[in-house]
Structures are given as C-alpha cells and as structure tokens.
Amino acid sequence: CAVAPKSAFNAKLSQSLALALTVGDAVCFDTIVINEQGDYNAETGRFTCKVPGVYYFAVHATVYRASLQFDLMKN
C-alpha cells in the first residue's frame, strides 16, 4: 500500500523579532523544524503547497507591552 505524499512545515524564529514590519510584510521564520516536500521557503516566508488537500495552520505569537495583528493570507 503506497503512502500518499503530504506537505507540512513547522518553523520558528531563532530570536525575537525586533524590527517593525509594515502591512503585507512576511515574517520569515529562520529555524526549520519540519519541511516535508520543501514547500516552506525560509527566504520568502511563504508556504507554497504542491500537494492538494485540506490543511490546518496554527500560530503562536507573544508580544510585550505592544499590540499584534497577524494575518494568514492565501494567494
């Protein structure tokens, strides 16, 4: 029985992000934990899935004495 390919990634920042981002900027996670199929690009911060299916995304972010807006965008 063949195993169907899957696409998955888990990435994180190796240190705090200390610079201000503007609307539309991507956060480029520089530490790759898992990158099945190589679909996450750490240079651009984009996950381009080549395997059709339903995907689940979870984000954990913390800030100190500031506000945060985080958007997940589908292109």
PDB file of N, CA and C in Angstrom:
ATOM      1  N   CYS A   1       0.841  -1.176   0.000  1.00  0.00           N
ATOM      2  CA  CYS A   1       0.000   0.000   0.000  1.00  0.00           C
ATOM      3  C   CYS A   1       0.889   1.244   0.000  1.00  0.00           C
ATOM      4  N   ALA A   2       0.757   2.052  -1.017  1.00  0.00           N
ATOM      5  CA  ALA A   2       1.573   3.260  -1.134  1.00  0.00           C
ATOM      6  C   ALA A   2       1.074   4.349  -0.183  1.00  0.00           C
ATOM      7  N   VAL A   3       1.998   5.089   0.356  1.00  0.00           N
ATOM      8  CA  VAL A   3       1.662   6.204   1.242  1.00  0.00           C
ATOM      9  C   VAL A   3       1.547   7.465   0.398  1.00  0.00           C
ATOM     10  N   ALA A   4       0.427   8.168   0.535  1.00  0.00           N
ATOM     11  CA  ALA A   4       0.220   9.407  -0.219  1.00  0.00           C
ATOM     12  C   ALA A   4       1.172  10.483   0.288  1.00  0.00           C
ATOM     13  N   PRO A   5       1.723  11.293  -0.626  1.00  0.00           N
ATOM     14  CA  PRO A   5       2.611  12.372  -0.181  1.00  0.00           C
ATOM     15  C   PRO A   5       1.834  13.390   0.651  1.00  0.00           C
ATOM     16  N   LYS A   6       2.524  14.020   1.567  1.00  0.00           N
ATOM     17  CA  LYS A   6       1.903  15.065   2.365  1.00  0.00           C
ATOM     18  C   LYS A   6       2.842  16.255   2.424  1.00  0.00           C
ATOM     19  N   SER A   7       2.270  17.394   2.644  1.00  0.00           N
ATOM     20  CA  SER A   7       3.049  18.610   2.760  1.00  0.00           C
ATOM     21  C   SER A   7       2.818  19.184   4.144  1.00  0.00           C
ATOM     22  N   ALA A   8       3.889  19.473   4.844  1.00  0.00           N
ATOM     23  CA  ALA A   8       3.771  20.022   6.194  1.00  0.00           C
ATOM     24  C   ALA A   8       5.033  20.800   6.527  1.00  0.00           C
ATOM     25  N   PHE A   9       4.885  21.824   7.374  1.00  0.00           N
ATOM     26  CA  PHE A   9       6.069  22.515   7.864  1.00  0.00           C
ATOM     27  C   PHE A   9       5.839  23.012   9.279  1.00  0.00           C
ATOM     28  N   ASN A  10       6.940  23.167   9.994  1.00  0.00           N
ATOM     29  CA  ASN A  10       6.957  23.746  11.329  1.00  0.00           C
ATOM     30  C   ASN A  10       8.215  24.586  11.371  1.00  0.00           C
ATOM     31  N   ALA A  11       8.055  25.867  11.626  1.00  0.00           N
ATOM     32  CA  ALA A  11       9.197  26.776  11.635  1.00  0.00           C
ATOM     33  C   ALA A  11       9.043  27.771  12.773  1.00  0.00           C
ATOM     34  N   LYS A  12      10.160  28.335  13.201  1.00  0.00           N
ATOM     35  CA  LYS A  12      10.131  29.303  14.295  1.00  0.00           C
ATOM     36  C   LYS A  12      11.249  30.321  14.116  1.00  0.00           C
ATOM     37  N   LEU A  13      11.178  31.383  14.906  1.00  0.00           N
ATOM     38  CA  LEU A  13      12.242  32.381  14.915  1.00  0.00           C
ATOM     39  C   LEU A  13      13.301  31.956  15.923  1.00  0.00           C
ATOM     40  N   SER A  14      14.567  32.113  15.567  1.00  0.00           N
ATOM     41  CA  SER A  14      15.649  31.750  16.475  1.00  0.00           C
ATOM     42  C   SER A  14      15.867  32.817  17.542  1.00  0.00           C
ATOM     43  N   GLN A  15      15.363  34.024  17.291  1.00  0.00           N
ATOM     44  CA  GLN A  15      15.464  35.105  18.263  1.00  0.00           C
ATOM     45  C   GLN A  15      14.288  36.050  18.087  1.00  0.00           C
ATOM     46  N   SER A  16      14.110  36.957  19.029  1.00  0.00           N
ATOM     47  CA  SER A  16      12.991  37.897  18.960  1.00  0.00           C
ATOM     48  C   SER A  16      13.087  38.756  17.713  1.00  0.00           C
ATOM     49  N   LEU A  17      11.938  39.081  17.174  1.00  0.00           N
ATOM     50  CA  LEU A  17      11.868  39.958  16.013  1.00  0.00           C
ATOM     51  C   LEU A  17      11.815  41.386  16.535  1.00  0.00           C
ATOM     52  N   ALA A  18      12.891  42.136  16.373  1.00  0.00           N
ATOM     53  CA  ALA A  18      12.996  43.460  16.974  1.00  0.00           C
ATOM     54  C   ALA A  18      12.739  44.592  15.987  1.00  0.00           C
ATOM     55  N   LEU A  19      12.421  44.281  14.761  1.00  0.00           N
ATOM     56  CA  LEU A  19      12.195  45.350  13.800  1.00  0.00           C
ATOM     57  C   LEU A  19      10.715  45.490  13.497  1.00  0.00           C
ATOM     58  N   ALA A  20      10.347  46.681  13.105  1.00  0.00           N
ATOM     59  CA  ALA A  20       8.943  46.941  12.787  1.00  0.00           C
ATOM     60  C   ALA A  20       8.640  46.441  11.378  1.00  0.00           C
ATOM     61  N   LEU A  21       7.527  45.784  11.239  1.00  0.00           N
ATOM     62  CA  LEU A  21       7.075  45.320   9.932  1.00  0.00           C
ATOM     63  C   LEU A  21       5.947  46.219   9.467  1.00  0.00           C
ATOM     64  N   THR A  22       5.784  46.343   8.177  1.00  0.00           N
ATOM     65  CA  THR A  22       4.672  47.109   7.630  1.00  0.00           C
ATOM     66  C   THR A  22       3.633  46.138   7.084  1.00  0.00           C
ATOM     67  N   VAL A  23       2.457  46.657   6.796  1.00  0.00           N
ATOM     68  CA  VAL A  23       1.362  45.835   6.282  1.00  0.00           C
ATOM     69  C   VAL A  23       1.820  45.099   5.029  1.00  0.00           C
ATOM     70  N   GLY A  24       1.592  43.808   5.006  1.00  0.00           N
ATOM     71  CA  GLY A  24       1.951  42.996   3.851  1.00  0.00           C
ATOM     72  C   GLY A  24       3.310  42.327   3.946  1.00  0.00           C
ATOM     73  N   ASP A  25       4.135  42.727   4.933  1.00  0.00           N
ATOM     74  CA  ASP A  25       5.439  42.084   5.103  1.00  0.00           C
ATOM     75  C   ASP A  25       5.260  40.654   5.602  1.00  0.00           C
ATOM     76  N   ALA A  26       6.100  39.776   5.130  1.00  0.00           N
ATOM     77  CA  ALA A  26       6.079  38.385   5.593  1.00  0.00           C
ATOM     78  C   ALA A  26       7.082  38.215   6.725  1.00  0.00           C
ATOM     79  N   VAL A  27       6.720  37.406   7.705  1.00  0.00           N
ATOM     80  CA  VAL A  27       7.665  37.020   8.750  1.00  0.00           C
ATOM     81  C   VAL A  27       8.389  35.777   8.241  1.00  0.00           C
ATOM     82  N   CYS A  28       9.698  35.870   8.130  1.00  0.00           N
ATOM     83  CA  CYS A  28      10.489  34.748   7.632  1.00  0.00           C
ATOM     84  C   CYS A  28      11.058  33.980   8.818  1.00  0.00           C
ATOM     85  N   PHE A  29      10.449  32.850   9.116  1.00  0.00           N
ATOM     86  CA  PHE A  29      10.908  32.009  10.215  1.00  0.00           C
ATOM     87  C   PHE A  29      12.210  31.340   9.793  1.00  0.00           C
ATOM     88  N   ASP A  30      13.261  31.548  10.570  1.00  0.00           N
ATOM     89  CA  ASP A  30      14.594  31.124  10.142  1.00  0.00           C
ATOM     90  C   ASP A  30      15.038  29.756  10.659  1.00  0.00           C
ATOM     91  N   THR A  31      14.290  29.164  11.564  1.00  0.00           N
ATOM     92  CA  THR A  31      14.630  27.839  12.067  1.00  0.00           C
ATOM     93  C   THR A  31      13.571  26.850  11.598  1.00  0.00           C
ATOM     94  N   ILE A  32      13.956  25.954  10.732  1.00  0.00           N
ATOM     95  CA  ILE A  32      13.032  24.974  10.175  1.00  0.00           C
ATOM     96  C   ILE A  32      13.075  23.717  11.041  1.00  0.00           C
ATOM     97  N   VAL A  33      11.929  23.332  11.575  1.00  0.00           N
ATOM     98  CA  VAL A  33      11.824  22.122  12.384  1.00  0.00           C
ATOM     99  C   VAL A  33      11.441  20.948  11.485  1.00  0.00           C
ATOM    100  N   ILE A  34      10.417  21.138  10.673  1.00  0.00           N
ATOM    101  CA  ILE A  34       9.949  20.142   9.702  1.00  0.00           C
ATOM    102  C   ILE A  34       9.630  20.885   8.409  1.00  0.00           C
ATOM    103  N   ASN A  35       9.989  20.300   7.277  1.00  0.00           N
ATOM    104  CA  ASN A  35       9.640  20.897   5.988  1.00  0.00           C
ATOM    105  C   ASN A  35       9.454  19.774   4.964  1.00  0.00           C
ATOM    106  N   GLU A  36       8.372  19.004   5.137  1.00  0.00           N
ATOM    107  CA  GLU A  36       8.084  17.896   4.231  1.00  0.00           C
ATOM    108  C   GLU A  36       7.790  18.455   2.841  1.00  0.00           C
ATOM    109  N   GLN A  37       8.347  17.879   1.843  1.00  0.00           N
ATOM    110  CA  GLN A  37       8.211  18.280   0.439  1.00  0.00           C
ATOM    111  C   GLN A  37       8.951  19.588   0.136  1.00  0.00           C
ATOM    112  N   GLY A  38       9.532  20.254   1.136  1.00  0.00           N
ATOM    113  CA  GLY A  38      10.269  21.501   0.904  1.00  0.00           C
ATOM    114  C   GLY A  38       9.383  22.659   0.491  1.00  0.00           C
ATOM    115  N   ASP A  39       8.123  22.645   0.893  1.00  0.00           N
ATOM    116  CA  ASP A  39       7.170  23.672   0.450  1.00  0.00           C
ATOM    117  C   ASP A  39       7.257  24.988   1.220  1.00  0.00           C
ATOM    118  N   TYR A  40       7.944  25.015   2.379  1.00  0.00           N
ATOM    119  CA  TYR A  40       8.133  26.280   3.093  1.00  0.00           C
ATOM    120  C   TYR A  40       9.460  26.877   2.669  1.00  0.00           C
ATOM    121  N   ASN A  41       9.436  28.153   2.271  1.00  0.00           N
ATOM    122  CA  ASN A  41      10.636  28.859   1.841  1.00  0.00           C
ATOM    123  C   ASN A  41      11.016  29.865   2.927  1.00  0.00           C
ATOM    124  N   ALA A  42      12.103  29.610   3.641  1.00  0.00           N
ATOM    125  CA  ALA A  42      12.534  30.492   4.727  1.00  0.00           C
ATOM    126  C   ALA A  42      13.018  31.845   4.215  1.00  0.00           C
ATOM    127  N   GLU A  43      13.422  31.922   2.956  1.00  0.00           N
ATOM    128  CA  GLU A  43      13.876  33.197   2.381  1.00  0.00           C
ATOM    129  C   GLU A  43      12.713  34.163   2.169  1.00  0.00           C
ATOM    130  N   THR A  44      11.564  33.631   1.757  1.00  0.00           N
ATOM    131  CA  THR A  44      10.407  34.485   1.455  1.00  0.00           C
ATOM    132  C   THR A  44       9.336  34.445   2.535  1.00  0.00           C
ATOM    133  N   GLY A  45       9.380  33.424   3.400  1.00  0.00           N
ATOM    134  CA  GLY A  45       8.346  33.256   4.412  1.00  0.00           C
ATOM    135  C   GLY A  45       7.061  32.669   3.854  1.00  0.00           C
ATOM    136  N   ARG A  46       7.125  32.110   2.665  1.00  0.00           N
ATOM    137  CA  ARG A  46       5.925  31.571   2.009  1.00  0.00           C
ATOM    138  C   ARG A  46       5.897  30.046   2.025  1.00  0.00           C
ATOM    139  N   PHE A  47       4.696  29.534   2.247  1.00  0.00           N
ATOM    140  CA  PHE A  47       4.428  28.100   2.149  1.00  0.00           C
ATOM    141  C   PHE A  47       3.615  27.913   0.882  1.00  0.00           C
ATOM    142  N   THR A  48       4.195  27.263  -0.110  1.00  0.00           N
ATOM    143  CA  THR A  48       3.522  27.021  -1.379  1.00  0.00           C
ATOM    144  C   THR A  48       3.296  25.523  -1.499  1.00  0.00           C
ATOM    145  N   CYS A  49       2.090  25.109  -1.220  1.00  0.00           N
ATOM    146  CA  CYS A  49       1.753  23.694  -1.171  1.00  0.00           C
ATOM    147  C   CYS A  49       1.563  23.126  -2.572  1.00  0.00           C
ATOM    148  N   LYS A  50       2.257  22.039  -2.847  1.00  0.00           N
ATOM    149  CA  LYS A  50       2.131  21.374  -4.146  1.00  0.00           C
ATOM    150  C   LYS A  50       1.241  20.140  -4.071  1.00  0.00           C
ATOM    151  N   VAL A  51       0.836  19.774  -2.846  1.00  0.00           N
ATOM    152  CA  VAL A  51       0.008  18.589  -2.635  1.00  0.00           C
ATOM    153  C   VAL A  51      -1.410  19.036  -2.298  1.00  0.00           C
ATOM    154  N   PRO A  52      -2.400  18.704  -3.139  1.00  0.00           N
ATOM    155  CA  PRO A  52      -3.779  19.117  -2.852  1.00  0.00           C
ATOM    156  C   PRO A  52      -4.289  18.489  -1.557  1.00  0.00           C
ATOM    157  N   GLY A  53      -5.138  19.220  -0.864  1.00  0.00           N
ATOM    158  CA  GLY A  53      -5.716  18.687   0.366  1.00  0.00           C
ATOM    159  C   GLY A  53      -6.231  19.791   1.259  1.00  0.00           C
ATOM    160  N   VAL A  54      -6.654  19.412   2.437  1.00  0.00           N
ATOM    161  CA  VAL A  54      -7.119  20.350   3.450  1.00  0.00           C
ATOM    162  C   VAL A  54      -5.990  20.501   4.458  1.00  0.00           C
ATOM    163  N   TYR A  55      -5.661  21.727   4.813  1.00  0.00           N
ATOM    164  CA  TYR A  55      -4.542  21.984   5.711  1.00  0.00           C
ATOM    165  C   TYR A  55      -4.980  22.775   6.930  1.00  0.00           C
ATOM    166  N   TYR A  56      -4.291  22.555   8.032  1.00  0.00           N
ATOM    167  CA  TYR A  56      -4.547  23.226   9.296  1.00  0.00           C
ATOM    168  C   TYR A  56      -3.318  24.064   9.634  1.00  0.00           C
ATOM    169  N   PHE A  57      -3.543  25.330   9.981  1.00  0.00           N
ATOM    170  CA  PHE A  57      -2.450  26.216  10.361  1.00  0.00           C
ATOM    171  C   PHE A  57      -2.669  26.706  11.780  1.00  0.00           C
ATOM    172  N   ALA A  58      -1.614  26.713  12.563  1.00  0.00           N
ATOM    173  CA  ALA A  58      -1.668  27.248  13.927  1.00  0.00           C
ATOM    174  C   ALA A  58      -0.495  28.205  14.100  1.00  0.00           C
ATOM    175  N   VAL A  59      -0.745  29.303  14.785  1.00  0.00           N
ATOM    176  CA  VAL A  59       0.288  30.313  15.020  1.00  0.00           C
ATOM    177  C   VAL A  59       0.315  30.632  16.505  1.00  0.00           C
ATOM    178  N   HIS A  60       1.499  30.738  17.053  1.00  0.00           N
ATOM    179  CA  HIS A  60       1.661  31.173  18.438  1.00  0.00           C
ATOM    180  C   HIS A  60       2.616  32.359  18.422  1.00  0.00           C
ATOM    181  N   ALA A  61       2.159  33.496  18.906  1.00  0.00           N
ATOM    182  CA  ALA A  61       2.998  34.693  18.943  1.00  0.00           C
ATOM    183  C   ALA A  61       2.752  35.427  20.254  1.00  0.00           C
ATOM    184  N   THR A  62       3.804  35.977  20.813  1.00  0.00           N
ATOM    185  CA  THR A  62       3.665  36.763  22.032  1.00  0.00           C
ATOM    186  C   THR A  62       4.334  38.116  21.838  1.00  0.00           C
ATOM    187  N   VAL A  63       3.804  39.110  22.510  1.00  0.00           N
ATOM    188  CA  VAL A  63       4.388  40.451  22.475  1.00  0.00           C
ATOM    189  C   VAL A  63       4.446  40.983  23.900  1.00  0.00           C
ATOM    190  N   TYR A  64       5.345  41.904  24.132  1.00  0.00           N
ATOM    191  CA  TYR A  64       5.494  42.515  25.440  1.00  0.00           C
ATOM    192  C   TYR A  64       5.148  43.992  25.331  1.00  0.00           C
ATOM    193  N   ARG A  65       4.109  44.390  26.026  1.00  0.00           N
ATOM    194  CA  ARG A  65       3.668  45.791  26.074  1.00  0.00           C
ATOM    195  C   ARG A  65       3.457  46.400  24.694  1.00  0.00           C
ATOM    196  N   ALA A  66       2.835  45.664  23.842  1.00  0.00           N
ATOM    197  CA  ALA A  66       2.535  46.152  22.493  1.00  0.00           C
ATOM    198  C   ALA A  66       1.339  45.378  21.970  1.00  0.00           C
ATOM    199  N   SER A  67       0.843  45.797  20.832  1.00  0.00           N
ATOM    200  CA  SER A  67      -0.253  45.067  20.197  1.00  0.00           C
ATOM    201  C   SER A  67       0.296  44.298  18.998  1.00  0.00           C
ATOM    202  N   LEU A  68      -0.468  43.330  18.573  1.00  0.00           N
ATOM    203  CA  LEU A  68      -0.027  42.489  17.469  1.00  0.00           C
ATOM    204  C   LEU A  68      -1.216  42.138  16.602  1.00  0.00           C
ATOM    205  N   GLN A  69      -1.048  42.273  15.313  1.00  0.00           N
ATOM    206  CA  GLN A  69      -2.031  41.764  14.358  1.00  0.00           C
ATOM    207  C   GLN A  69      -1.277  40.831  13.436  1.00  0.00           C
ATOM    208  N   PHE A  70      -1.800  39.641  13.271  1.00  0.00           N
ATOM    209  CA  PHE A  70      -1.139  38.617  12.465  1.00  0.00           C
ATOM    210  C   PHE A  70      -2.157  38.105  11.468  1.00  0.00           C
ATOM    211  N   ASP A  71      -1.871  38.195  10.191  1.00  0.00           N
ATOM    212  CA  ASP A  71      -2.793  37.740   9.155  1.00  0.00           C
ATOM    213  C   ASP A  71      -2.201  36.541   8.427  1.00  0.00           C
ATOM    214  N   LEU A  72      -3.035  35.570   8.187  1.00  0.00           N
ATOM    215  CA  LEU A  72      -2.671  34.421   7.374  1.00  0.00           C
ATOM    216  C   LEU A  72      -3.340  34.631   6.029  1.00  0.00           C
ATOM    217  N   MET A  73      -2.550  34.673   4.962  1.00  0.00           N
ATOM    218  CA  MET A  73      -3.094  35.013   3.653  1.00  0.00           C
ATOM    219  C   MET A  73      -2.960  33.847   2.686  1.00  0.00           C
ATOM    220  N   LYS A  74      -3.996  33.651   1.899  1.00  0.00           N
ATOM    221  CA  LYS A  74      -3.975  32.646   0.839  1.00  0.00           C
ATOM    222  C   LYS A  74      -3.828  33.387  -0.486  1.00  0.00           C
ATOM    223  N   ASN A  75      -2.852  32.963  -1.284  1.00  0.00           N
ATOM    224  CA  ASN A  75      -2.682  33.637  -2.583  1.00  0.00           C
ATOM    225  C   ASN A  75      -3.113  32.748  -3.713  1.00  0.00           C
TER     226      ASN A  75
END
